Amino acid sequence: MRGFGRGSRWRRSSSPKPRPPSLGRGTLLPRYVVDTHALVWYLTKDRRLSPQARQVLRSAQSGEAIVLVSTIVLAEVLYIAENKRVPVEFPELLGRIRAGRGYQIVDFDLAVLQEMQKLSQDLELHDRALAATALVYDAALITKDRELQKLDRPKVVW
């Protein structure tokens, strides 16, 4: 078995910071990263969603904005759907996300992980990951979370 030492294919790279994948067409549109509460409340038509957040998420449905859905958010949606904390099954929720013209699923990747290192360790893990995702993709963050609203960056929409 190979180790991490000299000659190993696993040795540390001196390459520059990884870049997020391209968002492709429509990158001039406003971009947002959505948190779990906002996404689920939008998809289930919950009244707790703020009017501003609802408007942004609607604009993505019609292709007038890009809403990035992190795989971390999808994992949380799966968890709450499996535990019957929402009245909808996960495949239906995922189908609704995929049907939105302006919705894109983005991976929790090395670029996000590296950006997380720059954020306060006082934030919860998922909150840090979402804020880092927004920073990597130069996007605003749709969240009701008060701790994230206190940050200078990313911009928060609620």
N, C-alpha and C. Protein backbone atom coordinates (compact mmCIF):
# COMPACT_ATOMS: atom_id res chain seq x y z
N MET A 1 0.84 -1.18 0.00
CA MET A 1 0.00 0.00 0.00
C MET A 1 0.88 1.24 0.00
N ARG A 2 0.54 2.20 -0.80
CA ARG A 2 1.31 3.44 -0.88
C ARG A 2 0.91 4.37 0.24
N GLY A 3 1.87 5.16 0.68
CA GLY A 3 1.60 6.14 1.73
C GLY A 3 1.47 7.53 1.15
N PHE A 4 1.70 8.49 2.01
CA PHE A 4 1.59 9.89 1.61
C PHE A 4 2.96 10.52 1.40
N GLY A 5 3.99 9.75 1.45
CA GLY A 5 5.34 10.29 1.35
C GLY A 5 5.79 10.56 -0.07
N ARG A 6 7.07 10.72 -0.20
CA ARG A 6 7.68 11.00 -1.49
C ARG A 6 7.38 9.90 -2.48
N GLY A 7 7.01 10.28 -3.68
CA GLY A 7 6.71 9.30 -4.71
C GLY A 7 5.26 8.82 -4.69
N SER A 8 4.54 9.22 -3.67
CA SER A 8 3.15 8.81 -3.57
C SER A 8 2.28 9.65 -4.49
N ARG A 9 1.28 9.05 -5.06
CA ARG A 9 0.36 9.83 -5.87
C ARG A 9 -0.56 10.67 -4.99
N TRP A 10 -0.49 10.52 -3.69
CA TRP A 10 -1.33 11.25 -2.75
C TRP A 10 -0.63 12.43 -2.13
N ARG A 11 0.55 12.76 -2.57
CA ARG A 11 1.26 13.86 -1.93
C ARG A 11 0.55 15.19 -2.18
N ARG A 12 0.84 16.12 -1.31
CA ARG A 12 0.21 17.43 -1.37
C ARG A 12 0.61 18.16 -2.65
N SER A 13 -0.36 18.78 -3.26
CA SER A 13 -0.12 19.51 -4.50
C SER A 13 0.16 20.97 -4.20
N SER A 14 1.00 21.58 -5.00
CA SER A 14 1.26 23.01 -4.84
C SER A 14 0.45 23.82 -5.84
N SER A 15 -0.57 23.18 -6.41
CA SER A 15 -1.40 23.87 -7.41
C SER A 15 -2.23 24.95 -6.74
N PRO A 16 -2.67 25.92 -7.54
CA PRO A 16 -3.46 27.01 -6.98
C PRO A 16 -4.80 26.52 -6.43
N LYS A 17 -5.46 27.42 -5.70
CA LYS A 17 -6.76 27.12 -5.10
C LYS A 17 -7.72 26.58 -6.16
N PRO A 18 -8.44 25.49 -5.85
CA PRO A 18 -9.38 24.95 -6.83
C PRO A 18 -10.47 25.96 -7.15
N ARG A 19 -10.91 25.96 -8.38
CA ARG A 19 -11.99 26.85 -8.79
C ARG A 19 -13.29 26.08 -8.82
N PRO A 20 -14.38 26.76 -8.52
CA PRO A 20 -15.67 26.07 -8.62
C PRO A 20 -15.99 25.80 -10.07
N PRO A 21 -16.81 24.79 -10.33
CA PRO A 21 -17.20 24.53 -11.71
C PRO A 21 -17.94 25.72 -12.29
N SER A 22 -17.86 25.87 -13.58
CA SER A 22 -18.56 26.96 -14.25
C SER A 22 -20.06 26.75 -14.12
N LEU A 23 -20.77 27.86 -14.00
CA LEU A 23 -22.23 27.78 -13.93
C LEU A 23 -22.85 27.76 -15.31
N GLY A 24 -22.03 27.93 -16.34
CA GLY A 24 -22.54 27.86 -17.71
C GLY A 24 -23.35 29.08 -18.09
N ARG A 25 -24.32 28.86 -18.95
CA ARG A 25 -25.17 29.95 -19.44
C ARG A 25 -25.89 30.64 -18.28
N GLY A 26 -26.14 31.91 -18.46
CA GLY A 26 -26.92 32.65 -17.48
C GLY A 26 -26.13 33.15 -16.29
N THR A 27 -24.80 33.12 -16.40
CA THR A 27 -24.01 33.53 -15.24
C THR A 27 -24.08 35.04 -14.99
N LEU A 28 -24.67 35.81 -15.89
CA LEU A 28 -24.84 37.24 -15.65
C LEU A 28 -26.10 37.51 -14.83
N LEU A 29 -26.90 36.50 -14.64
CA LEU A 29 -28.10 36.63 -13.81
C LEU A 29 -27.69 36.71 -12.34
N PRO A 30 -28.53 37.33 -11.49
CA PRO A 30 -28.21 37.34 -10.06
C PRO A 30 -28.15 35.90 -9.53
N ARG A 31 -27.19 35.67 -8.62
CA ARG A 31 -26.99 34.33 -8.08
C ARG A 31 -27.27 34.31 -6.59
N TYR A 32 -27.84 33.20 -6.15
CA TYR A 32 -28.17 33.01 -4.75
C TYR A 32 -27.88 31.57 -4.36
N VAL A 33 -27.45 31.39 -3.12
CA VAL A 33 -27.36 30.07 -2.53
C VAL A 33 -28.51 29.99 -1.53
N VAL A 34 -29.25 28.90 -1.54
CA VAL A 34 -30.43 28.78 -0.68
C VAL A 34 -30.15 27.82 0.47
N ASP A 35 -30.63 28.19 1.67
CA ASP A 35 -30.48 27.27 2.80
C ASP A 35 -31.68 26.32 2.85
N THR A 36 -31.59 25.34 3.72
CA THR A 36 -32.59 24.28 3.78
C THR A 36 -33.98 24.80 4.13
N HIS A 37 -34.06 25.62 5.18
CA HIS A 37 -35.38 26.14 5.57
C HIS A 37 -36.06 26.86 4.41
N ALA A 38 -35.34 27.79 3.82
CA ALA A 38 -35.93 28.59 2.75
C ALA A 38 -36.39 27.71 1.59
N LEU A 39 -35.56 26.75 1.21
CA LEU A 39 -35.91 25.88 0.08
C LEU A 39 -37.15 25.04 0.39
N VAL A 40 -37.16 24.40 1.55
CA VAL A 40 -38.29 23.54 1.91
C VAL A 40 -39.55 24.38 2.07
N TRP A 41 -39.44 25.54 2.70
CA TRP A 41 -40.61 26.39 2.88
C TRP A 41 -41.15 26.87 1.54
N TYR A 42 -40.27 27.13 0.60
CA TYR A 42 -40.73 27.53 -0.73
C TYR A 42 -41.45 26.37 -1.42
N LEU A 43 -40.83 25.21 -1.40
CA LEU A 43 -41.40 24.05 -2.10
C LEU A 43 -42.70 23.55 -1.48
N THR A 44 -42.88 23.80 -0.17
CA THR A 44 -44.10 23.35 0.51
C THR A 44 -45.09 24.49 0.74
N LYS A 45 -44.78 25.66 0.17
CA LYS A 45 -45.65 26.84 0.28
C LYS A 45 -45.91 27.23 1.74
N ASP A 46 -44.88 27.16 2.54
CA ASP A 46 -44.98 27.49 3.97
C ASP A 46 -44.98 29.01 4.15
N ARG A 47 -45.84 29.50 5.01
CA ARG A 47 -45.98 30.95 5.23
C ARG A 47 -44.78 31.56 5.96
N ARG A 48 -43.92 30.74 6.53
CA ARG A 48 -42.77 31.28 7.25
C ARG A 48 -41.71 31.87 6.32
N LEU A 49 -41.78 31.55 5.04
CA LEU A 49 -40.83 32.10 4.08
C LEU A 49 -41.10 33.59 3.90
N SER A 50 -40.04 34.39 3.96
CA SER A 50 -40.21 35.84 3.82
C SER A 50 -40.63 36.19 2.40
N PRO A 51 -41.32 37.32 2.22
CA PRO A 51 -41.73 37.74 0.87
C PRO A 51 -40.54 37.94 -0.07
N GLN A 52 -39.44 38.50 0.45
CA GLN A 52 -38.27 38.73 -0.41
C GLN A 52 -37.66 37.40 -0.86
N ALA A 53 -37.53 36.45 0.06
CA ALA A 53 -36.99 35.14 -0.30
C ALA A 53 -37.90 34.44 -1.30
N ARG A 54 -39.21 34.53 -1.08
CA ARG A 54 -40.18 33.91 -2.00
C ARG A 54 -40.02 34.49 -3.41
N GLN A 55 -39.85 35.80 -3.50
CA GLN A 55 -39.71 36.45 -4.80
C GLN A 55 -38.45 35.97 -5.53
N VAL A 56 -37.35 35.87 -4.80
CA VAL A 56 -36.10 35.40 -5.42
C VAL A 56 -36.27 33.97 -5.93
N LEU A 57 -36.86 33.11 -5.11
CA LEU A 57 -37.02 31.71 -5.50
C LEU A 57 -37.99 31.58 -6.69
N ARG A 58 -39.00 32.40 -6.74
CA ARG A 58 -39.90 32.42 -7.90
C ARG A 58 -39.17 32.86 -9.16
N SER A 59 -38.30 33.86 -9.01
CA SER A 59 -37.57 34.35 -10.18
C SER A 59 -36.66 33.26 -10.75
N ALA A 60 -36.17 32.37 -9.90
CA ALA A 60 -35.36 31.25 -10.40
C ALA A 60 -36.24 30.24 -11.14
N GLN A 61 -37.46 30.04 -10.67
CA GLN A 61 -38.38 29.13 -11.36
C GLN A 61 -38.57 29.56 -12.81
N SER A 62 -38.62 30.88 -13.02
CA SER A 62 -38.86 31.39 -14.37
C SER A 62 -37.57 31.68 -15.14
N GLY A 63 -36.41 31.38 -14.53
CA GLY A 63 -35.14 31.57 -15.21
C GLY A 63 -34.58 32.98 -15.16
N GLU A 64 -35.10 33.82 -14.26
CA GLU A 64 -34.63 35.20 -14.14
C GLU A 64 -33.53 35.36 -13.09
N ALA A 65 -33.20 34.30 -12.41
CA ALA A 65 -32.12 34.29 -11.42
C ALA A 65 -31.59 32.87 -11.35
N ILE A 66 -30.42 32.73 -10.75
CA ILE A 66 -29.84 31.40 -10.53
C ILE A 66 -29.84 31.14 -9.04
N VAL A 67 -30.46 30.03 -8.64
CA VAL A 67 -30.43 29.61 -7.24
C VAL A 67 -29.61 28.33 -7.18
N LEU A 68 -28.55 28.40 -6.41
CA LEU A 68 -27.65 27.26 -6.25
C LEU A 68 -28.08 26.46 -5.03
N VAL A 69 -28.25 25.17 -5.21
CA VAL A 69 -28.66 24.28 -4.14
C VAL A 69 -27.48 23.36 -3.84
N SER A 70 -26.88 23.53 -2.68
CA SER A 70 -25.73 22.73 -2.29
C SER A 70 -26.16 21.29 -2.00
N THR A 71 -25.25 20.36 -2.28
CA THR A 71 -25.54 18.97 -1.95
C THR A 71 -25.72 18.79 -0.45
N ILE A 72 -25.14 19.68 0.36
CA ILE A 72 -25.36 19.63 1.82
C ILE A 72 -26.83 19.92 2.11
N VAL A 73 -27.40 20.90 1.43
CA VAL A 73 -28.82 21.22 1.61
C VAL A 73 -29.67 20.03 1.17
N LEU A 74 -29.32 19.41 0.06
CA LEU A 74 -30.08 18.24 -0.39
C LEU A 74 -30.02 17.12 0.63
N ALA A 75 -28.87 16.92 1.26
CA ALA A 75 -28.76 15.89 2.30
C ALA A 75 -29.67 16.21 3.48
N GLU A 76 -29.75 17.49 3.85
CA GLU A 76 -30.65 17.88 4.94
C GLU A 76 -32.11 17.69 4.53
N VAL A 77 -32.44 18.03 3.30
CA VAL A 77 -33.81 17.83 2.80
C VAL A 77 -34.16 16.34 2.83
N LEU A 78 -33.24 15.50 2.41
CA LEU A 78 -33.46 14.05 2.46
C LEU A 78 -33.74 13.61 3.89
N TYR A 79 -32.93 14.09 4.82
CA TYR A 79 -33.08 13.71 6.23
C TYR A 79 -34.45 14.13 6.78
N ILE A 80 -34.86 15.37 6.54
CA ILE A 80 -36.14 15.81 7.10
C ILE A 80 -37.32 15.15 6.39
N ALA A 81 -37.17 14.82 5.10
CA ALA A 81 -38.24 14.12 4.39
C ALA A 81 -38.36 12.69 4.90
N GLU A 82 -37.22 12.02 5.11
CA GLU A 82 -37.25 10.65 5.62
C GLU A 82 -37.84 10.58 7.03
N ASN A 83 -37.65 11.64 7.80
CA ASN A 83 -38.17 11.67 9.17
C ASN A 83 -39.55 12.32 9.25
N LYS A 84 -40.18 12.46 8.08
CA LYS A 84 -41.56 12.95 7.99
C LYS A 84 -41.77 14.32 8.62
N ARG A 85 -40.75 15.17 8.54
CA ARG A 85 -40.88 16.53 9.08
C ARG A 85 -41.39 17.49 8.02
N VAL A 86 -41.60 17.00 6.82
CA VAL A 86 -42.26 17.77 5.76
C VAL A 86 -43.31 16.84 5.13
N PRO A 87 -44.39 17.42 4.61
CA PRO A 87 -45.47 16.58 4.08
C PRO A 87 -45.24 16.08 2.66
N VAL A 88 -43.98 16.05 2.22
CA VAL A 88 -43.67 15.67 0.84
C VAL A 88 -42.49 14.70 0.87
N GLU A 89 -42.48 13.76 -0.05
CA GLU A 89 -41.38 12.80 -0.16
C GLU A 89 -40.19 13.44 -0.87
N PHE A 90 -38.99 12.94 -0.56
CA PHE A 90 -37.76 13.50 -1.13
C PHE A 90 -37.74 13.48 -2.66
N PRO A 91 -38.10 12.37 -3.32
CA PRO A 91 -38.05 12.39 -4.79
C PRO A 91 -38.91 13.50 -5.40
N GLU A 92 -40.05 13.78 -4.78
CA GLU A 92 -40.90 14.86 -5.29
C GLU A 92 -40.23 16.22 -5.10
N LEU A 93 -39.62 16.43 -3.93
CA LEU A 93 -38.90 17.69 -3.68
C LEU A 93 -37.75 17.86 -4.66
N LEU A 94 -36.99 16.79 -4.87
CA LEU A 94 -35.86 16.85 -5.80
C LEU A 94 -36.35 17.12 -7.22
N GLY A 95 -37.46 16.51 -7.60
CA GLY A 95 -38.04 16.76 -8.91
C GLY A 95 -38.44 18.21 -9.10
N ARG A 96 -38.98 18.81 -8.06
CA ARG A 96 -39.36 20.23 -8.14
C ARG A 96 -38.14 21.12 -8.30
N ILE A 97 -37.06 20.77 -7.61
CA ILE A 97 -35.82 21.55 -7.73
C ILE A 97 -35.29 21.45 -9.16
N ARG A 98 -35.23 20.24 -9.67
CA ARG A 98 -34.70 20.03 -11.03
C ARG A 98 -35.57 20.67 -12.10
N ALA A 99 -36.86 20.82 -11.82
CA ALA A 99 -37.78 21.41 -12.80
C ALA A 99 -37.63 22.92 -12.92
N GLY A 100 -37.08 23.56 -11.90
CA GLY A 100 -36.91 25.01 -11.94
C GLY A 100 -35.82 25.39 -12.93
N ARG A 101 -36.12 26.28 -13.85
CA ARG A 101 -35.16 26.66 -14.90
C ARG A 101 -33.89 27.27 -14.33
N GLY A 102 -34.00 27.99 -13.24
CA GLY A 102 -32.84 28.69 -12.70
C GLY A 102 -32.19 28.00 -11.51
N TYR A 103 -32.57 26.76 -11.25
CA TYR A 103 -31.99 26.04 -10.12
C TYR A 103 -30.83 25.17 -10.59
N GLN A 104 -29.72 25.21 -9.85
CA GLN A 104 -28.57 24.37 -10.17
C GLN A 104 -28.07 23.74 -8.88
N ILE A 105 -27.81 22.46 -8.95
CA ILE A 105 -27.25 21.74 -7.80
C ILE A 105 -25.74 21.86 -7.88
N VAL A 106 -25.13 22.27 -6.75
CA VAL A 106 -23.67 22.43 -6.71
C VAL A 106 -23.11 21.53 -5.61
N ASP A 107 -21.93 21.01 -5.87
CA ASP A 107 -21.28 20.09 -4.94
C ASP A 107 -20.62 20.81 -3.77
N PHE A 108 -20.58 20.11 -2.66
CA PHE A 108 -19.75 20.51 -1.54
C PHE A 108 -18.36 19.98 -1.90
N ASP A 109 -17.46 20.88 -2.30
CA ASP A 109 -16.18 20.44 -2.83
C ASP A 109 -15.01 21.10 -2.10
N LEU A 110 -13.81 20.88 -2.62
CA LEU A 110 -12.60 21.38 -1.98
C LEU A 110 -12.57 22.91 -1.94
N ALA A 111 -13.05 23.57 -2.97
CA ALA A 111 -13.07 25.04 -2.97
C ALA A 111 -13.93 25.56 -1.83
N VAL A 112 -15.08 24.93 -1.61
CA VAL A 112 -15.96 25.33 -0.51
C VAL A 112 -15.29 25.04 0.83
N LEU A 113 -14.69 23.88 0.94
CA LEU A 113 -14.01 23.50 2.18
C LEU A 113 -12.89 24.49 2.52
N GLN A 114 -12.13 24.90 1.53
CA GLN A 114 -11.06 25.87 1.77
C GLN A 114 -11.62 27.23 2.16
N GLU A 115 -12.74 27.62 1.58
CA GLU A 115 -13.37 28.89 1.94
C GLU A 115 -13.92 28.83 3.36
N MET A 116 -14.38 27.67 3.78
CA MET A 116 -14.89 27.50 5.15
C MET A 116 -13.83 27.84 6.19
N GLN A 117 -12.57 27.56 5.87
CA GLN A 117 -11.48 27.82 6.81
C GLN A 117 -11.36 29.30 7.14
N LYS A 118 -11.84 30.16 6.27
CA LYS A 118 -11.74 31.61 6.46
C LYS A 118 -12.88 32.16 7.31
N LEU A 119 -13.90 31.36 7.54
CA LEU A 119 -15.08 31.82 8.28
C LEU A 119 -14.98 31.46 9.76
N SER A 120 -15.73 32.16 10.57
CA SER A 120 -15.72 31.96 12.02
C SER A 120 -16.06 30.52 12.38
N GLN A 121 -15.28 29.97 13.30
CA GLN A 121 -15.55 28.63 13.79
C GLN A 121 -16.74 28.61 14.74
N ASP A 122 -17.24 29.79 15.09
CA ASP A 122 -18.42 29.87 15.96
C ASP A 122 -19.70 29.50 15.21
N LEU A 123 -19.66 29.55 13.90
CA LEU A 123 -20.83 29.17 13.10
C LEU A 123 -20.99 27.65 13.11
N GLU A 124 -22.24 27.21 13.02
CA GLU A 124 -22.49 25.77 12.90
C GLU A 124 -21.93 25.28 11.57
N LEU A 125 -21.59 24.01 11.52
CA LEU A 125 -20.94 23.42 10.35
C LEU A 125 -21.72 23.68 9.05
N HIS A 126 -23.02 23.40 9.05
CA HIS A 126 -23.81 23.59 7.83
C HIS A 126 -23.89 25.06 7.44
N ASP A 127 -24.00 25.94 8.44
CA ASP A 127 -24.05 27.38 8.15
C ASP A 127 -22.75 27.85 7.52
N ARG A 128 -21.65 27.37 8.06
CA ARG A 128 -20.33 27.72 7.50
C ARG A 128 -20.22 27.23 6.06
N ALA A 129 -20.68 26.02 5.81
CA ALA A 129 -20.60 25.45 4.46
C ALA A 129 -21.44 26.27 3.48
N LEU A 130 -22.63 26.70 3.89
CA LEU A 130 -23.47 27.49 2.99
C LEU A 130 -22.89 28.86 2.74
N ALA A 131 -22.38 29.50 3.78
CA ALA A 131 -21.75 30.82 3.60
C ALA A 131 -20.55 30.69 2.67
N ALA A 132 -19.76 29.65 2.86
CA ALA A 132 -18.59 29.43 2.00
C ALA A 132 -19.01 29.16 0.55
N THR A 133 -20.07 28.41 0.36
CA THR A 133 -20.58 28.16 -0.99
C THR A 133 -20.97 29.46 -1.66
N ALA A 134 -21.66 30.33 -0.92
CA ALA A 134 -22.05 31.63 -1.48
C ALA A 134 -20.82 32.45 -1.85
N LEU A 135 -19.80 32.42 -1.02
CA LEU A 135 -18.58 33.18 -1.32
C LEU A 135 -17.86 32.62 -2.54
N VAL A 136 -17.76 31.31 -2.63
CA VAL A 136 -17.08 30.68 -3.78
C VAL A 136 -17.78 31.04 -5.09
N TYR A 137 -19.10 31.05 -5.08
CA TYR A 137 -19.86 31.32 -6.30
C TYR A 137 -20.26 32.78 -6.45
N ASP A 138 -19.74 33.63 -5.57
CA ASP A 138 -20.05 35.07 -5.61
C ASP A 138 -21.56 35.28 -5.66
N ALA A 139 -22.24 34.68 -4.70
CA ALA A 139 -23.70 34.69 -4.65
C ALA A 139 -24.17 35.23 -3.31
N ALA A 140 -25.39 35.73 -3.29
CA ALA A 140 -26.04 36.10 -2.03
C ALA A 140 -26.59 34.82 -1.40
N LEU A 141 -26.88 34.88 -0.12
CA LEU A 141 -27.35 33.71 0.62
C LEU A 141 -28.78 33.94 1.09
N ILE A 142 -29.67 33.04 0.74
CA ILE A 142 -31.07 33.13 1.18
C ILE A 142 -31.19 32.33 2.47
N THR A 143 -31.34 33.05 3.59
CA THR A 143 -31.43 32.38 4.89
C THR A 143 -32.11 33.26 5.91
N LYS A 144 -32.77 32.62 6.87
CA LYS A 144 -33.35 33.34 7.99
C LYS A 144 -32.40 33.31 9.19
N ASP A 145 -31.30 32.59 9.08
CA ASP A 145 -30.38 32.39 10.19
C ASP A 145 -29.76 33.72 10.64
N ARG A 146 -29.98 34.07 11.89
CA ARG A 146 -29.50 35.35 12.42
C ARG A 146 -27.97 35.44 12.48
N GLU A 147 -27.32 34.33 12.76
CA GLU A 147 -25.85 34.34 12.82
C GLU A 147 -25.27 34.63 11.44
N LEU A 148 -25.85 34.08 10.41
CA LEU A 148 -25.38 34.35 9.05
C LEU A 148 -25.72 35.76 8.62
N GLN A 149 -26.82 36.30 9.11
CA GLN A 149 -27.19 37.67 8.77
C GLN A 149 -26.22 38.68 9.38
N LYS A 150 -25.49 38.29 10.40
CA LYS A 150 -24.52 39.19 11.05
C LYS A 150 -23.21 39.31 10.26
N LEU A 151 -22.96 38.38 9.34
CA LEU A 151 -21.71 38.39 8.59
C LEU A 151 -21.66 39.56 7.61
N ASP A 152 -20.45 40.09 7.40
CA ASP A 152 -20.27 41.13 6.38
C ASP A 152 -20.47 40.55 4.98
N ARG A 153 -19.99 39.36 4.78
CA ARG A 153 -20.10 38.65 3.52
C ARG A 153 -20.44 37.20 3.83
N PRO A 154 -21.21 36.54 3.06
CA PRO A 154 -21.90 37.01 1.87
C PRO A 154 -23.12 37.86 2.23
N LYS A 155 -23.63 38.54 1.22
CA LYS A 155 -24.87 39.30 1.40
C LYS A 155 -25.99 38.30 1.69
N VAL A 156 -26.87 38.66 2.62
CA VAL A 156 -27.98 37.77 2.99
C VAL A 156 -29.30 38.38 2.54
N VAL A 157 -30.13 37.54 1.97
CA VAL A 157 -31.48 37.92 1.56
C VAL A 157 -32.45 37.20 2.48
N TRP A 158 -33.33 37.94 3.11
CA TRP A 158 -34.43 37.36 3.85
C TRP A 158 -35.57 38.33 3.89
